């Protein structure tokens, strides 16, 4: 059975966001709202379930701007600061749900998350049910083994972010793959037949290479191999102007923007 859901791009910027503090480049100062990028994150929402992919430093403003007051689970791609730096805001979701929050990740991500956020793993409610700090329960994700949260099913897909293992996710015929410079062939095989792909592309010009992220030259090869009907670029730096990138990419490839919404169908794998 297929479950209708919506993916909202909460942020499509790199670790610095755009505009960058102190930068006077045309992208940072030009005023195009589609160049205003919060740190990378998406919300997957069905009629009954909300799943937050990553909780970076901008998650409080993302929740206020895009109108979600709680989620049913937080799923982490990896444990870099721009993807977990807003985890303290989970407290607000604890209050809304009056319950602990399950945080999903692979073993290395959960280990690092627990190291940085140890205080979240201890009960802090008083007898009146107040929440004085975030309270989380860790749940391990196995690479390439489907995970169901409520009525949303995600297939975790392994990639490499420098030396770090990271996860992308497939939901029906949609896939989200941020923060990667290498996608193994076995993982690419799991991403065939997509309607929509959101994929890492930190820089347009090859003059700004990254050992941990993909640039357009590399991302274009993935898009050609996977042949999605539509692809969106994410985790973009301020070197990527929205209008310029839109003009220079093929007709079915677009830069994402904060607030982009994509209709998907969740189903079992």
Protein backbone atom coordinates (compact mmCIF):
# COMPACT_ATOMS: atom_id res chain seq x y z
CA UNK A 1 0.00 0.00 0.00
CA UNK A 2 1.26 3.48 -0.86
CA UNK A 3 0.92 6.31 1.66
CA UNK A 4 0.84 9.90 0.36
CA UNK A 5 3.42 12.12 2.04
CA UNK A 6 5.10 15.48 1.54
CA UNK A 7 8.79 16.27 1.76
CA UNK A 8 9.63 19.83 2.80
CA UNK A 9 13.16 21.12 2.31
CA UNK A 10 13.77 22.93 5.59
CA UNK A 11 17.28 23.91 4.58
CA UNK A 12 19.55 23.32 1.60
CA UNK A 13 22.68 25.20 2.66
CA UNK A 14 26.10 23.93 3.57
CA UNK A 15 27.59 24.03 7.06
CA UNK A 16 27.99 27.83 6.98
CA UNK A 17 24.53 28.60 5.60
CA UNK A 18 23.86 31.45 3.19
CA UNK A 19 24.36 34.34 3.64
CA UNK A 20 27.72 33.66 5.26
CA UNK A 21 28.61 35.85 8.23
CA UNK A 22 30.89 38.65 7.07
CA UNK A 23 30.68 37.82 3.36
CA UNK A 24 29.93 40.58 0.85
CA UNK A 25 29.65 38.40 -2.28
CA UNK A 26 26.73 38.86 -4.67
CA UNK A 27 24.98 35.69 -3.48
CA UNK A 28 25.16 36.67 0.19
CA UNK A 29 24.12 40.29 -0.35
CA UNK A 30 21.94 40.12 -3.46
CA UNK A 31 18.65 39.62 -1.66
CA UNK A 32 17.30 36.69 -3.71
CA UNK A 33 15.22 34.76 -1.15
CA UNK A 34 16.11 31.49 -2.88
CA UNK A 35 19.75 32.16 -2.02
CA UNK A 36 18.85 32.36 1.69
CA UNK A 37 19.73 28.83 2.79
CA UNK A 38 19.51 27.33 6.24
CA UNK A 39 21.48 24.22 7.16
CA UNK A 40 20.45 21.04 5.33
CA UNK A 41 17.39 19.20 6.64
CA UNK A 42 14.07 17.84 5.40
CA UNK A 43 10.71 17.02 6.97
CA UNK A 44 8.75 14.00 5.75
CA UNK A 45 5.06 14.29 6.61
CA UNK A 46 2.10 11.98 6.05
CA UNK A 47 -1.41 12.47 7.42
CA UNK A 48 -0.39 10.78 10.69
CA UNK A 49 3.42 10.86 10.93
CA UNK A 50 6.20 13.47 10.86
CA UNK A 51 9.86 12.44 10.50
CA UNK A 52 12.65 15.01 10.78
CA UNK A 53 15.84 14.21 8.89
CA UNK A 54 18.65 15.93 10.83
CA UNK A 55 18.30 18.66 13.44
CA UNK A 56 20.93 21.28 12.68
CA UNK A 57 21.52 24.70 14.25
CA UNK A 58 18.56 26.24 12.38
CA UNK A 59 15.90 23.75 13.46
CA UNK A 60 14.11 26.14 15.83
CA UNK A 61 13.60 28.74 13.12
CA UNK A 62 12.79 26.03 10.57
CA UNK A 63 10.00 24.74 12.83
CA UNK A 64 8.61 28.23 13.31
CA UNK A 65 8.90 29.20 9.64
CA UNK A 66 7.43 26.01 8.21
CA UNK A 67 4.83 25.42 10.89
CA UNK A 68 5.58 22.12 12.59
CA UNK A 69 5.32 21.97 16.37
CA UNK A 70 6.49 18.42 16.89
CA UNK A 71 7.75 15.32 15.10
CA UNK A 72 7.40 11.60 15.74
CA UNK A 73 11.08 10.81 15.27
CA UNK A 74 14.43 12.36 14.40
CA UNK A 75 16.57 10.48 11.88
CA UNK A 76 20.23 11.42 11.48
CA UNK A 77 22.31 11.18 8.34
CA UNK A 78 25.50 11.65 10.39
CA UNK A 79 26.74 13.51 13.45
CA UNK A 80 28.44 16.63 12.11
CA UNK A 81 27.49 19.84 13.91
CA UNK A 82 25.46 21.27 11.03
CA UNK A 83 23.22 18.19 11.25
CA UNK A 84 22.88 17.72 15.03
CA UNK A 85 23.71 21.19 16.37
CA UNK A 86 20.07 22.01 17.11
CA UNK A 87 19.34 18.81 19.02
CA UNK A 88 18.63 20.73 22.22
CA UNK A 89 15.40 21.90 20.55
CA UNK A 90 14.13 18.32 20.88
CA UNK A 91 12.99 19.46 24.32
CA UNK A 92 10.15 21.36 22.64
CA UNK A 93 9.06 18.16 20.91
CA UNK A 94 9.23 16.32 24.25
CA UNK A 95 6.90 18.94 25.69
CA UNK A 96 4.48 18.73 22.75
CA UNK A 97 4.40 14.91 22.80
CA UNK A 98 4.84 14.55 26.57
CA UNK A 99 7.18 11.70 25.74
CA UNK A 100 10.78 10.85 24.98
CA UNK A 101 11.96 11.32 21.40
CA UNK A 102 13.45 8.42 19.43
CA UNK A 103 16.61 9.42 17.54
CA UNK A 104 17.65 7.05 14.76
CA UNK A 105 21.12 6.70 13.28
CA UNK A 106 23.75 4.16 12.38
CA UNK A 107 26.10 2.91 15.09
CA UNK A 108 28.85 5.49 14.54
CA UNK A 109 26.38 8.38 14.35
CA UNK A 110 24.64 7.34 17.56
CA UNK A 111 27.96 6.89 19.33
CA UNK A 112 29.06 10.41 18.42
CA UNK A 113 25.62 11.86 19.17
CA UNK A 114 25.65 10.25 22.63
CA UNK A 115 29.16 11.58 23.26
CA UNK A 116 28.14 15.14 22.43
CA UNK A 117 24.63 15.01 23.91
CA UNK A 118 25.03 12.67 26.88
CA UNK A 119 22.74 14.80 29.05
CA UNK A 120 19.77 14.00 26.79
CA UNK A 121 19.80 10.31 27.68
CA UNK A 122 18.78 10.79 31.32
CA UNK A 123 15.24 11.42 32.56
CA UNK A 124 14.66 15.03 33.58
CA UNK A 125 10.91 15.25 34.18
CA UNK A 126 9.63 16.25 37.58
CA UNK A 127 6.49 14.80 39.16
CA UNK A 128 4.32 17.33 37.30
CA UNK A 129 5.51 16.05 33.93
CA UNK A 130 7.63 19.08 33.03
CA UNK A 131 10.62 18.63 30.75
CA UNK A 132 13.74 20.48 31.86
CA UNK A 133 16.03 19.21 29.10
CA UNK A 134 15.72 17.07 25.96
CA UNK A 135 15.12 13.39 26.56
CA UNK A 136 15.98 10.94 23.79
CA UNK A 137 16.13 7.21 23.13
CA UNK A 138 18.66 5.99 20.57
CA UNK A 139 17.58 3.46 17.95
CA UNK A 140 20.14 1.93 15.61
CA UNK A 141 19.69 1.91 11.84
CA UNK A 142 21.19 -0.90 9.79
CA UNK A 143 22.55 0.07 6.39
CA UNK A 144 20.23 -0.93 3.53
CA UNK A 145 17.58 -2.33 5.92
CA UNK A 146 14.18 -0.65 5.69
CA UNK A 147 12.92 1.34 8.68
CA UNK A 148 9.25 2.12 9.32
CA UNK A 149 8.17 5.02 11.54
CA UNK A 150 4.40 5.30 11.79
CA UNK A 151 3.25 4.90 8.19
CA UNK A 152 6.47 6.22 6.63
CA UNK A 153 9.01 3.66 5.41
CA UNK A 154 12.60 4.72 4.75
CA UNK A 155 15.35 2.71 3.13
CA UNK A 156 18.75 3.81 4.54
CA UNK A 157 21.42 4.03 1.83
CA UNK A 158 25.12 4.06 2.68
CA UNK A 159 27.54 6.68 1.30
CA UNK A 160 30.91 8.16 2.21
CA UNK A 161 31.54 11.70 3.48
CA UNK A 162 35.32 11.82 3.50
CA UNK A 163 36.26 8.92 5.77
CA UNK A 164 32.88 9.02 7.51
CA UNK A 165 30.00 6.65 6.79
CA UNK A 166 26.76 8.55 6.20
CA UNK A 167 23.20 7.68 5.29
CA UNK A 168 20.85 8.83 2.60
CA UNK A 169 17.24 7.69 2.50
CA UNK A 170 14.79 6.46 -0.10
CA UNK A 171 11.05 6.90 0.43
CA UNK A 172 9.10 5.29 -2.39
CA UNK A 173 10.38 6.83 -5.63
CA UNK A 174 12.07 9.73 -3.82
CA UNK A 175 15.63 9.75 -2.44
CA UNK A 176 17.59 12.19 -0.28
CA UNK A 177 21.39 12.02 -0.28
CA UNK A 178 23.26 14.89 1.32
CA UNK A 179 26.86 15.23 2.56
CA UNK A 180 28.71 12.72 0.40
CA UNK A 181 31.59 12.60 -2.04
CA UNK A 182 31.28 8.90 -2.91
CA UNK A 183 28.25 6.65 -3.35
CA UNK A 184 29.14 2.95 -3.67
CA UNK A 185 27.78 1.09 -6.67
CA UNK A 186 25.65 -1.11 -4.39
CA UNK A 187 24.02 2.03 -3.00
CA UNK A 188 23.50 3.53 -6.44
CA UNK A 189 21.68 0.32 -7.37
CA UNK A 190 19.21 1.02 -4.55
CA UNK A 191 18.49 4.44 -6.03
CA UNK A 192 17.40 3.34 -9.49
CA UNK A 193 13.94 4.20 -10.81
CA UNK A 194 13.48 7.48 -8.94
CA UNK A 195 10.94 10.15 -9.71
CA UNK A 196 12.76 12.73 -7.57
CA UNK A 197 16.28 12.92 -6.17
CA UNK A 198 17.73 15.51 -3.79
CA UNK A 199 21.51 15.23 -3.84
CA UNK A 200 24.66 16.86 -2.48
CA UNK A 201 26.34 19.55 -4.58
CA UNK A 202 28.35 21.96 -2.47
CA UNK A 203 30.01 23.92 -5.27
CA UNK A 204 29.36 24.63 -8.92
CA UNK A 205 32.90 25.35 -10.02
CA UNK A 206 35.54 22.63 -9.92
CA UNK A 207 37.94 25.37 -8.75
CA UNK A 208 36.41 24.84 -5.30
CA UNK A 209 37.01 21.09 -4.78
CA UNK A 210 35.99 19.34 -1.56
CA UNK A 211 37.35 16.07 -0.14
CA UNK A 212 34.05 15.39 1.63
CA UNK A 213 31.33 16.74 -0.68
CA UNK A 214 30.36 16.48 -4.30
CA UNK A 215 30.71 19.31 -6.80
CA UNK A 216 28.59 19.73 -9.93
CA UNK A 217 30.95 17.72 -12.14
CA UNK A 218 30.59 14.68 -9.87
CA UNK A 219 26.92 15.20 -9.04
CA UNK A 220 26.05 15.45 -12.74
CA UNK A 221 27.53 11.99 -13.28
CA UNK A 222 25.36 10.53 -10.51
CA UNK A 223 22.27 12.19 -11.94
CA UNK A 224 23.05 10.86 -15.41
CA UNK A 225 23.57 7.34 -14.03
CA UNK A 226 20.45 7.34 -11.85
CA UNK A 227 18.26 9.16 -14.41
CA UNK A 228 15.60 10.52 -12.04
CA UNK A 229 12.74 12.40 -13.62
CA UNK A 230 13.69 15.44 -11.52
CA UNK A 231 16.76 16.21 -9.43
CA UNK A 232 17.39 18.96 -6.89
CA UNK A 233 20.76 20.06 -5.54
CA UNK A 234 21.28 20.54 -1.80
CA UNK A 235 23.97 21.41 0.75
CA UNK A 236 24.93 24.28 -1.54
CA UNK A 237 27.54 26.86 -0.59
CA UNK A 238 27.37 30.56 -1.34
CA UNK A 239 29.41 29.88 -4.48
CA UNK A 240 26.16 28.61 -6.05
CA UNK A 241 23.81 31.39 -7.06
CA UNK A 242 20.24 30.12 -7.48
CA UNK A 243 19.46 31.83 -10.80
CA UNK A 244 22.85 31.04 -12.30
CA UNK A 245 22.65 27.38 -11.31
CA UNK A 246 19.08 27.09 -12.59
CA UNK A 247 20.20 28.50 -15.93
CA UNK A 248 23.24 26.25 -16.29
CA UNK A 249 21.82 22.87 -15.29
CA UNK A 250 19.75 20.57 -17.54
CA UNK A 251 16.00 21.13 -17.68
CA UNK A 252 15.23 18.38 -15.16
CA UNK A 253 17.85 19.52 -12.61
CA UNK A 254 17.29 22.45 -10.26
CA UNK A 255 18.87 23.99 -7.18
CA UNK A 256 16.68 23.30 -4.18
CA UNK A 257 15.44 26.18 -2.04
CA UNK A 258 14.26 26.38 1.53
CA UNK A 259 10.53 25.66 1.61
CA UNK A 260 10.51 23.48 -1.50
CA UNK A 261 7.75 20.85 -1.19
CA UNK A 262 7.68 17.53 -3.01
CA UNK A 263 4.79 15.05 -3.01
CA UNK A 264 5.91 11.45 -2.53
CA UNK A 265 4.37 8.03 -1.91
CA UNK A 266 5.75 5.98 0.97
CA UNK A 267 5.64 2.21 0.55
CA UNK A 268 7.34 -0.94 1.79
CA UNK A 269 10.63 -2.14 0.33
